[in-house]
């Protein structure tokens, strides 16, 4: 009997692990990581110190479930073009690791779980913002804008800005100008973050008729837009210094990190107009580092200020 159990167990274990990995892939975990990086620091800023750790945990779990739901719906809706694009051919609905029904059920369950968890353990304003983020990403970005306009990522990116509002609402139960400016930072940052990626995968988007800016316009135009949005992002980040107000740590990171982000954006544009070999992923990765450092400073600054006082 023991021998039979030992023989049967190994084949089933890999299948379970593959299924778990498929569900994780469906959530787009790298996107979720970035969203959570913007949530926790905002909660520290709102509390002007370390907030209740159970509140932080509930907010982060609820936010992760919200993002998982939106991303799973996105994978379900875009499964037709994901099968064509080289960048997305490894997604679980393309490989067959998950069936369409499984993905759709997961999207619904994680969305409902997010709203209920945030509503009961955090507050209903945070839950409402979570619902708004899911609906906006699914209906406005994925269904309405993505396949129709090169401005898709500009307005559709608003869904990715919601975690800062959720984090602030979780601590204060309300919203004011500070989270609105933080929302604006992420909103303005999204195009210069994503457009370089669309430059690299231009052929992919062109093959499925998704009108990303890099598909419908030349590299020079995309490079110029990246520069303009990078400047706007940094300007918005500096506005927070006066409104929050922020101290030396945040101010230094906003100025120095912002200068780095702008320089990298100008380098991309300069190469594009000289018809050189562009390296868009350099700006893409730089933008992630910039936003991560900026929001770490958002969380560290009030702690340093409290220690100094």
Protein backbone atom coordinates (compact mmCIF):
# COMPACT_ATOMS: atom_id res chain seq x y z
CA UNK A 1 0.00 0.00 0.00
CA UNK A 2 2.81 2.39 0.86
CA UNK A 3 4.48 1.61 -2.46
CA UNK A 4 1.31 2.48 -4.35
CA UNK A 5 1.03 5.85 -2.59
CA UNK A 6 4.64 6.66 -3.35
CA UNK A 7 4.18 5.74 -6.99
CA UNK A 8 1.00 7.75 -7.52
CA UNK A 9 2.03 10.93 -5.71
CA UNK A 10 4.80 12.30 -7.96
CA UNK A 11 2.74 12.58 -11.18
CA UNK A 12 -0.02 14.54 -9.42
CA UNK A 13 2.29 16.98 -7.62
CA UNK A 14 3.72 18.64 -10.78
CA UNK A 15 0.19 19.12 -12.13
CA UNK A 16 -0.85 20.90 -8.94
CA UNK A 17 2.26 23.07 -9.00
CA UNK A 18 1.73 23.92 -12.66
CA UNK A 19 -1.85 24.91 -11.92
CA UNK A 20 -0.79 27.12 -9.02
CA UNK A 21 1.91 28.74 -11.14
CA UNK A 22 -0.64 29.31 -13.90
CA UNK A 23 -2.99 31.14 -11.55
CA UNK A 24 -0.08 33.23 -10.26
CA UNK A 25 0.93 34.09 -13.84
CA UNK A 26 -2.67 35.09 -14.57
CA UNK A 27 -2.41 37.83 -11.93
CA UNK A 28 0.68 39.42 -13.61
CA UNK A 29 2.67 39.41 -10.34
CA UNK A 30 5.27 41.96 -11.49
CA UNK A 31 2.51 44.49 -12.04
CA UNK A 32 1.09 43.74 -8.59
CA UNK A 33 4.51 44.20 -6.98
CA UNK A 34 4.76 47.69 -8.44
CA UNK A 35 1.25 48.57 -7.32
CA UNK A 36 1.96 47.45 -3.75
CA UNK A 37 5.19 49.47 -3.71
CA UNK A 38 3.07 52.59 -4.13
CA UNK A 39 0.49 51.60 -1.48
CA UNK A 40 2.43 50.97 1.74
CA UNK A 41 4.51 54.20 1.66
CA UNK A 42 1.35 56.25 1.11
CA UNK A 43 -0.16 54.66 4.22
CA UNK A 44 2.91 55.70 6.25
CA UNK A 45 2.63 59.24 4.90
CA UNK A 46 -1.09 59.36 5.73
CA UNK A 47 -0.45 58.13 9.28
CA UNK A 48 2.66 60.36 9.67
CA UNK A 49 4.32 57.28 11.10
CA UNK A 50 3.87 53.52 11.15
CA UNK A 51 0.16 52.68 10.75
CA UNK A 52 -1.52 49.69 12.34
CA UNK A 53 0.27 46.69 10.81
CA UNK A 54 -2.93 44.63 10.56
CA UNK A 55 -4.48 47.50 8.63
CA UNK A 56 -1.46 47.56 6.31
CA UNK A 57 -1.67 43.80 5.78
CA UNK A 58 -5.41 43.88 5.05
CA UNK A 59 -4.96 46.78 2.63
CA UNK A 60 -2.08 45.12 0.78
CA UNK A 61 -3.89 41.78 0.51
CA UNK A 62 -7.08 43.52 -0.62
CA UNK A 63 -5.13 45.58 -3.14
CA UNK A 64 -3.34 42.49 -4.46
CA UNK A 65 -6.66 40.70 -4.91
CA UNK A 66 -8.08 43.73 -6.71
CA UNK A 67 -5.14 43.87 -9.12
CA UNK A 68 -5.30 40.09 -9.59
CA UNK A 69 -8.95 40.35 -10.56
CA UNK A 70 -8.36 43.16 -13.06
CA UNK A 71 -5.37 41.39 -14.60
CA UNK A 72 -7.20 38.07 -14.84
CA UNK A 73 -10.15 39.73 -16.60
CA UNK A 74 -7.64 41.38 -18.93
CA UNK A 75 -6.01 38.04 -19.78
CA UNK A 76 -9.42 36.49 -20.42
CA UNK A 77 -10.58 39.31 -22.71
CA UNK A 78 -7.26 39.56 -24.57
CA UNK A 79 -6.69 35.83 -24.97
CA UNK A 80 -7.26 36.10 -28.75
CA UNK A 81 -4.43 38.57 -29.32
CA UNK A 82 -2.23 36.99 -26.64
CA UNK A 83 -2.10 33.87 -28.83
CA UNK A 84 -0.58 35.94 -31.66
CA UNK A 85 1.87 38.18 -29.81
CA UNK A 86 5.29 36.66 -29.04
CA UNK A 87 5.46 38.59 -25.76
CA UNK A 88 2.30 36.95 -24.41
CA UNK A 89 2.45 33.43 -25.86
CA UNK A 90 3.46 31.98 -22.50
CA UNK A 91 0.38 33.22 -20.67
CA UNK A 92 -1.67 30.39 -19.11
CA UNK A 93 -4.75 30.82 -21.30
CA UNK A 94 -2.55 30.55 -24.39
CA UNK A 95 -0.55 27.53 -23.23
CA UNK A 96 -3.68 25.73 -22.04
CA UNK A 97 -2.55 25.48 -18.41
CA UNK A 98 -5.86 27.17 -17.52
CA UNK A 99 -9.23 26.93 -19.22
CA UNK A 100 -11.20 30.07 -20.05
CA UNK A 101 -13.80 29.25 -17.40
CA UNK A 102 -11.17 28.79 -14.71
CA UNK A 103 -9.64 32.18 -15.47
CA UNK A 104 -13.00 33.92 -15.50
CA UNK A 105 -14.06 32.30 -12.21
CA UNK A 106 -10.76 33.34 -10.64
CA UNK A 107 -11.23 36.92 -11.85
CA UNK A 108 -14.71 37.16 -10.33
CA UNK A 109 -13.76 35.47 -7.04
CA UNK A 110 -10.65 37.57 -6.44
CA UNK A 111 -12.57 40.76 -7.28
CA UNK A 112 -15.39 39.98 -4.88
CA UNK A 113 -12.90 38.89 -2.21
CA UNK A 114 -11.01 42.18 -2.60
CA UNK A 115 -14.11 44.31 -2.11
CA UNK A 116 -15.42 42.31 0.85
CA UNK A 117 -12.02 42.14 2.57
CA UNK A 118 -11.37 45.86 2.19
CA UNK A 119 -14.91 46.76 3.16
CA UNK A 120 -15.02 44.65 6.32
CA UNK A 121 -11.41 44.96 7.51
CA UNK A 122 -10.41 48.39 6.22
CA UNK A 123 -13.29 50.70 5.23
CA UNK A 124 -15.89 50.94 2.50
CA UNK A 125 -14.24 53.92 0.80
CA UNK A 126 -11.18 51.74 0.14
CA UNK A 127 -13.49 48.97 -1.07
CA UNK A 128 -15.30 51.36 -3.43
CA UNK A 129 -11.98 52.56 -4.85
CA UNK A 130 -10.95 48.93 -5.39
CA UNK A 131 -14.17 48.28 -7.30
CA UNK A 132 -13.63 51.43 -9.37
CA UNK A 133 -10.10 50.30 -10.25
CA UNK A 134 -11.31 46.89 -11.47
CA UNK A 135 -14.18 48.34 -13.49
CA UNK A 136 -12.00 51.06 -15.03
CA UNK A 137 -9.25 48.64 -16.05
CA UNK A 138 -11.65 46.11 -17.53
CA UNK A 139 -14.27 48.29 -19.19
CA UNK A 140 -12.47 51.56 -19.96
CA UNK A 141 -8.97 50.35 -20.76
CA UNK A 142 -9.29 46.73 -21.93
CA UNK A 143 -12.67 46.83 -23.68
CA UNK A 144 -13.03 50.46 -24.77
CA UNK A 145 -9.62 52.04 -25.32
CA UNK A 146 -6.91 49.45 -25.87
CA UNK A 147 -7.83 48.40 -29.41
CA UNK A 148 -9.22 51.75 -30.51
CA UNK A 149 -6.87 54.63 -29.71
CA UNK A 150 -3.15 55.34 -29.23
CA UNK A 151 -4.17 57.23 -26.08
CA UNK A 152 -5.18 53.89 -24.52
CA UNK A 153 -2.34 53.74 -22.02
CA UNK A 154 -2.72 57.42 -21.06
CA UNK A 155 -6.28 57.19 -19.80
CA UNK A 156 -6.33 53.47 -19.13
CA UNK A 157 -3.36 53.91 -16.83
CA UNK A 158 -5.61 55.66 -14.32
CA UNK A 159 -6.55 52.23 -12.95
CA UNK A 160 -2.94 51.69 -11.92
CA UNK A 161 -3.03 54.93 -9.93
CA UNK A 162 -5.84 53.77 -7.65
CA UNK A 163 -3.63 51.99 -5.07
CA UNK A 164 -2.35 55.34 -3.78
CA UNK A 165 -5.93 56.46 -3.18
CA UNK A 166 -6.78 53.13 -1.56
CA UNK A 167 -3.75 53.35 0.72
CA UNK A 168 -4.60 56.88 1.84
CA UNK A 169 -8.30 56.10 2.30
CA UNK A 170 -7.41 53.01 4.35
CA UNK A 171 -5.65 55.16 6.96
CA UNK A 172 -7.71 58.35 6.94
CA UNK A 173 -11.13 57.25 5.67
CA UNK A 174 -11.11 60.24 3.31
CA UNK A 175 -9.22 61.86 0.43
CA UNK A 176 -7.55 65.26 0.05
CA UNK A 177 -5.03 66.98 -2.23
CA UNK A 178 -2.05 64.90 -1.11
CA UNK A 179 -3.32 61.56 -2.50
CA UNK A 180 -4.61 63.39 -5.58
CA UNK A 181 -1.07 64.62 -6.31
CA UNK A 182 0.30 61.13 -5.68
CA UNK A 183 -2.34 59.82 -8.09
CA UNK A 184 -1.14 62.43 -10.61
CA UNK A 185 2.48 61.29 -10.27
CA UNK A 186 1.62 57.69 -11.18
CA UNK A 187 -0.83 58.84 -13.88
CA UNK A 188 1.78 60.99 -15.62
CA UNK A 189 4.51 58.38 -15.10
CA UNK A 190 2.58 55.57 -16.82
CA UNK A 191 2.98 56.72 -20.47
CA UNK A 192 6.77 57.28 -20.34
CA UNK A 193 7.02 53.94 -18.53
CA UNK A 194 4.92 51.93 -20.97
CA UNK A 195 5.61 53.59 -24.33
CA UNK A 196 9.28 52.47 -24.39
CA UNK A 197 8.03 48.90 -23.88
CA UNK A 198 5.64 49.34 -26.81
CA UNK A 199 8.58 50.56 -28.90
CA UNK A 200 10.44 47.32 -28.26
CA UNK A 201 7.38 45.19 -29.01
CA UNK A 202 6.06 47.36 -31.84
CA UNK A 203 5.83 44.44 -34.27
CA UNK A 204 3.79 42.45 -31.73
CA UNK A 205 1.20 45.20 -31.29
CA UNK A 206 1.14 45.86 -35.03
CA UNK A 207 0.43 42.17 -35.72
CA UNK A 208 -2.80 42.32 -33.69
CA UNK A 209 -3.87 45.85 -34.75
CA UNK A 210 -3.49 47.37 -31.28
CA UNK A 211 -2.80 51.07 -31.98
CA UNK A 212 -0.10 51.73 -29.41
CA UNK A 213 1.60 55.07 -30.01
CA UNK A 214 4.74 53.30 -31.25
CA UNK A 215 2.64 51.55 -33.91
CA UNK A 216 0.85 54.57 -35.33
CA UNK A 217 3.62 57.15 -34.97
CA UNK A 218 7.38 57.19 -35.52
CA UNK A 219 10.12 56.75 -32.94
CA UNK A 220 10.79 60.48 -32.80
CA UNK A 221 7.21 61.26 -31.85
CA UNK A 222 7.18 58.55 -29.20
CA UNK A 223 10.51 59.78 -27.83
CA UNK A 224 9.23 63.35 -27.63
CA UNK A 225 6.09 62.24 -25.80
CA UNK A 226 8.21 60.25 -23.34
CA UNK A 227 10.26 63.39 -22.64
CA UNK A 228 7.20 65.59 -22.15
CA UNK A 229 5.50 63.15 -19.78
CA UNK A 230 8.74 62.59 -17.86
CA UNK A 231 9.02 66.34 -17.23
CA UNK A 232 5.35 66.47 -16.20
CA UNK A 233 5.85 63.54 -13.81
CA UNK A 234 8.81 65.19 -12.11
CA UNK A 235 6.99 68.54 -11.89
CA UNK A 236 4.04 66.82 -10.20
CA UNK A 237 6.37 65.04 -7.77
CA UNK A 238 7.90 68.38 -6.76
CA UNK A 239 4.44 69.82 -6.16
CA UNK A 240 4.03 67.30 -3.34
CA UNK A 241 6.88 68.97 -1.40
CA UNK A 242 4.75 72.05 -0.79
CA UNK A 243 1.35 70.39 -0.44
CA UNK A 244 2.10 67.41 1.86
CA UNK A 245 4.55 68.98 3.00
CA UNK A 246 7.60 66.75 2.48
CA UNK A 247 11.04 66.96 4.05
CA UNK A 248 14.63 66.66 2.92
CA UNK A 249 14.64 62.92 2.14
CA UNK A 250 11.75 63.07 -0.29
CA UNK A 251 12.89 66.39 -1.77
CA UNK A 252 16.36 65.03 -2.53
CA UNK A 253 15.05 61.86 -4.13
CA UNK A 254 12.41 63.77 -6.15
CA UNK A 255 15.03 66.18 -7.52
CA UNK A 256 17.90 63.76 -8.14
CA UNK A 257 15.77 60.80 -9.20
CA UNK A 258 13.64 63.05 -11.36
CA UNK A 259 16.74 64.45 -13.06
CA UNK A 260 17.92 60.91 -13.81
CA UNK A 261 14.52 59.94 -15.25
CA UNK A 262 14.47 63.04 -17.46
CA UNK A 263 18.04 62.47 -18.67
CA UNK A 264 17.24 58.89 -19.67
CA UNK A 265 14.12 60.08 -21.50
CA UNK A 266 16.08 62.75 -23.37
CA UNK A 267 18.70 60.16 -24.30
CA UNK A 268 16.00 58.01 -25.90
CA UNK A 269 14.59 60.99 -27.82
CA UNK A 270 18.03 62.16 -28.92
CA UNK A 271 18.88 58.71 -30.30
CA UNK A 272 15.51 58.51 -32.06
CA UNK A 273 15.81 61.82 -33.88
CA UNK A 274 19.38 60.95 -34.94
CA UNK A 275 18.07 57.63 -36.29
CA UNK A 276 20.43 55.70 -34.07
CA UNK A 277 19.84 52.36 -32.40
CA UNK A 278 17.34 53.14 -29.66
CA UNK A 279 17.39 51.29 -26.35
CA UNK A 280 13.82 51.77 -25.09
CA UNK A 281 14.10 49.16 -22.36
CA UNK A 282 16.70 51.31 -20.64
CA UNK A 283 14.03 53.97 -20.07
CA UNK A 284 11.51 51.27 -19.16
CA UNK A 285 13.70 49.85 -16.39
CA UNK A 286 14.83 53.31 -15.29
CA UNK A 287 11.22 54.38 -14.89
CA UNK A 288 10.53 51.44 -12.55
CA UNK A 289 13.58 52.26 -10.44
CA UNK A 290 12.61 55.93 -10.35
CA UNK A 291 9.05 55.30 -9.16
CA UNK A 292 10.19 52.74 -6.61
CA UNK A 293 12.76 55.11 -5.12
CA UNK A 294 10.30 58.01 -5.13
CA UNK A 295 7.65 56.09 -3.21
CA UNK A 296 10.17 54.62 -0.81
CA UNK A 297 11.07 58.24 -0.07
CA UNK A 298 7.37 58.98 0.44
CA UNK A 299 7.34 56.38 3.23
CA UNK A 300 10.75 57.11 4.73
CA UNK A 301 10.43 60.92 4.81
CA UNK A 302 7.74 61.16 7.53
CA UNK A 303 9.60 58.62 9.68
CA UNK A 304 12.84 60.64 9.47
CA UNK A 305 10.93 63.87 10.15
CA UNK A 306 9.34 62.30 13.25
CA UNK A 307 12.75 61.16 14.53
CA UNK A 308 14.29 64.61 14.02
CA UNK A 309 11.47 66.25 15.93
